[in-house]
């Protein structure tokens, strides 16, 4: 590894350690936050209807986070790369 890449990596690891390794978690789980992971587990256990009835506001945030994440991952990024190729 070159010294420039090593410096950037060390700087990112320093920032990551200051924010309780949220960046590592975010990238390891493909753009999911800890809230999204917890809500996914609750959705699997309770089912979507019971999860909605338990907390409509949290369910709305959960739905919007997934909608935004999936739109970026599966729509915006592929369109961007296809435009780069053509």
C-alpha atoms as a PDB file:
ATOM      1  CA  UNK A   1       0.000   0.000   0.000  1.00  0.00           C
ATOM      2  CA  UNK A   2       1.287   3.453  -0.807  1.00  0.00           C
ATOM      3  CA  UNK A   3       1.803   5.971   1.936  1.00  0.00           C
ATOM      4  CA  UNK A   4      -0.973   8.214   0.537  1.00  0.00           C
ATOM      5  CA  UNK A   5      -3.556   5.422   0.658  1.00  0.00           C
ATOM      6  CA  UNK A   6      -2.362   4.433   4.135  1.00  0.00           C
ATOM      7  CA  UNK A   7      -2.777   8.023   5.374  1.00  0.00           C
ATOM      8  CA  UNK A   8      -6.312   8.208   3.992  1.00  0.00           C
ATOM      9  CA  UNK A   9      -7.188   4.826   5.512  1.00  0.00           C
ATOM     10  CA  UNK A  10      -5.800   5.870   8.912  1.00  0.00           C
ATOM     11  CA  UNK A  11      -7.709   9.161   8.781  1.00  0.00           C
ATOM     12  CA  UNK A  12     -10.961   7.346   7.972  1.00  0.00           C
ATOM     13  CA  UNK A  13     -10.350   4.812  10.748  1.00  0.00           C
ATOM     14  CA  UNK A  14      -9.728   7.660  13.193  1.00  0.00           C
ATOM     15  CA  UNK A  15     -13.001   9.344  12.242  1.00  0.00           C
ATOM     16  CA  UNK A  16     -14.776   5.984  12.418  1.00  0.00           C
ATOM     17  CA  UNK A  17     -13.490   5.306  15.930  1.00  0.00           C
ATOM     18  CA  UNK A  18     -14.712   8.723  17.079  1.00  0.00           C
ATOM     19  CA  UNK A  19     -18.263   7.963  15.917  1.00  0.00           C
ATOM     20  CA  UNK A  20     -18.435   4.482  17.489  1.00  0.00           C
ATOM     21  CA  UNK A  21     -17.572   2.634  14.250  1.00  0.00           C
ATOM     22  CA  UNK A  22     -20.822   3.589  12.549  1.00  0.00           C
ATOM     23  CA  UNK A  23     -19.094   3.887   9.160  1.00  0.00           C
ATOM     24  CA  UNK A  24     -17.824   0.300   9.318  1.00  0.00           C
ATOM     25  CA  UNK A  25     -21.299  -0.903  10.279  1.00  0.00           C
ATOM     26  CA  UNK A  26     -22.922   1.126   7.492  1.00  0.00           C
ATOM     27  CA  UNK A  27     -20.643  -0.230   4.772  1.00  0.00           C
ATOM     28  CA  UNK A  28     -20.561  -3.788   6.150  1.00  0.00           C
ATOM     29  CA  UNK A  29     -24.353  -3.995   6.027  1.00  0.00           C
ATOM     30  CA  UNK A  30     -24.772  -2.391   2.588  1.00  0.00           C
ATOM     31  CA  UNK A  31     -26.118   0.970   3.704  1.00  0.00           C
ATOM     32  CA  UNK A  32     -28.243  -0.183   6.618  1.00  0.00           C
ATOM     33  CA  UNK A  33     -28.203   1.660   9.912  1.00  0.00           C
ATOM     34  CA  UNK A  34     -28.545  -0.042  13.293  1.00  0.00           C
ATOM     35  CA  UNK A  35     -32.146   1.217  13.415  1.00  0.00           C
ATOM     36  CA  UNK A  36     -32.894  -0.487  10.100  1.00  0.00           C
ATOM     37  CA  UNK A  37     -31.342  -3.753  11.283  1.00  0.00           C
ATOM     38  CA  UNK A  38     -33.373  -3.692  14.514  1.00  0.00           C
ATOM     39  CA  UNK A  39     -36.592  -2.907  12.660  1.00  0.00           C
ATOM     40  CA  UNK A  40     -35.900  -5.700  10.148  1.00  0.00           C
ATOM     41  CA  UNK A  41     -35.620  -8.183  12.992  1.00  0.00           C
ATOM     42  CA  UNK A  42     -38.851  -6.872  14.541  1.00  0.00           C
ATOM     43  CA  UNK A  43     -40.596  -7.104  11.171  1.00  0.00           C
ATOM     44  CA  UNK A  44     -39.517 -10.726  10.853  1.00  0.00           C
ATOM     45  CA  UNK A  45     -40.745 -11.579  14.341  1.00  0.00           C
ATOM     46  CA  UNK A  46     -43.953  -9.528  14.528  1.00  0.00           C
ATOM     47  CA  UNK A  47     -44.944  -9.207  10.901  1.00  0.00           C
ATOM     48  CA  UNK A  48     -45.450  -5.913   9.100  1.00  0.00           C
ATOM     49  CA  UNK A  49     -49.021  -5.287  10.227  1.00  0.00           C
ATOM     50  CA  UNK A  50     -48.270  -5.718  13.943  1.00  0.00           C
ATOM     51  CA  UNK A  51     -45.104  -3.664  13.548  1.00  0.00           C
ATOM     52  CA  UNK A  52     -47.122  -0.841  11.988  1.00  0.00           C
ATOM     53  CA  UNK A  53     -49.755  -0.991  14.732  1.00  0.00           C
ATOM     54  CA  UNK A  54     -47.043  -0.957  17.396  1.00  0.00           C
ATOM     55  CA  UNK A  55     -45.459   2.259  16.110  1.00  0.00           C
ATOM     56  CA  UNK A  56     -46.649   3.890  12.865  1.00  0.00           C
ATOM     57  CA  UNK A  57     -44.036   6.656  13.012  1.00  0.00           C
ATOM     58  CA  UNK A  58     -41.110   4.239  13.411  1.00  0.00           C
ATOM     59  CA  UNK A  59     -42.573   2.028  10.679  1.00  0.00           C
ATOM     60  CA  UNK A  60     -42.768   5.037   8.339  1.00  0.00           C
ATOM     61  CA  UNK A  61     -39.101   5.921   8.989  1.00  0.00           C
ATOM     62  CA  UNK A  62     -38.118   2.287   8.475  1.00  0.00           C
ATOM     63  CA  UNK A  63     -40.017   2.161   5.177  1.00  0.00           C
ATOM     64  CA  UNK A  64     -38.564   5.468   3.948  1.00  0.00           C
ATOM     65  CA  UNK A  65     -34.983   4.491   4.835  1.00  0.00           C
ATOM     66  CA  UNK A  66     -35.320   1.260   2.858  1.00  0.00           C
ATOM     67  CA  UNK A  67     -37.023   3.050  -0.023  1.00  0.00           C
ATOM     68  CA  UNK A  68     -34.246   5.631  -0.254  1.00  0.00           C
ATOM     69  CA  UNK A  69     -31.475   3.036   0.168  1.00  0.00           C
ATOM     70  CA  UNK A  70     -32.900   0.673  -2.425  1.00  0.00           C
ATOM     71  CA  UNK A  71     -33.572   3.496  -4.869  1.00  0.00           C
ATOM     72  CA  UNK A  72     -29.951   4.556  -4.664  1.00  0.00           C
ATOM     73  CA  UNK A  73     -28.526   1.020  -4.809  1.00  0.00           C
ATOM     74  CA  UNK A  74     -30.733  -0.480  -7.492  1.00  0.00           C
ATOM     75  CA  UNK A  75     -31.841   2.463  -9.637  1.00  0.00           C
ATOM     76  CA  UNK A  76     -29.578   5.522  -9.406  1.00  0.00           C
ATOM     77  CA  UNK A  77     -26.165   3.793  -9.292  1.00  0.00           C
ATOM     78  CA  UNK A  78     -26.884   1.425 -12.243  1.00  0.00           C
ATOM     79  CA  UNK A  79     -28.189   4.333 -14.338  1.00  0.00           C
ATOM     80  CA  UNK A  80     -25.068   6.354 -13.509  1.00  0.00           C
ATOM     81  CA  UNK A  81     -22.750   3.485 -14.498  1.00  0.00           C
ATOM     82  CA  UNK A  82     -24.678   2.761 -17.696  1.00  0.00           C
ATOM     83  CA  UNK A  83     -24.299   6.411 -18.705  1.00  0.00           C
ATOM     84  CA  UNK A  84     -20.562   6.196 -18.042  1.00  0.00           C
ATOM     85  CA  UNK A  85     -20.235   3.162 -20.302  1.00  0.00           C
ATOM     86  CA  UNK A  86     -22.293   4.548 -23.198  1.00  0.00           C
END
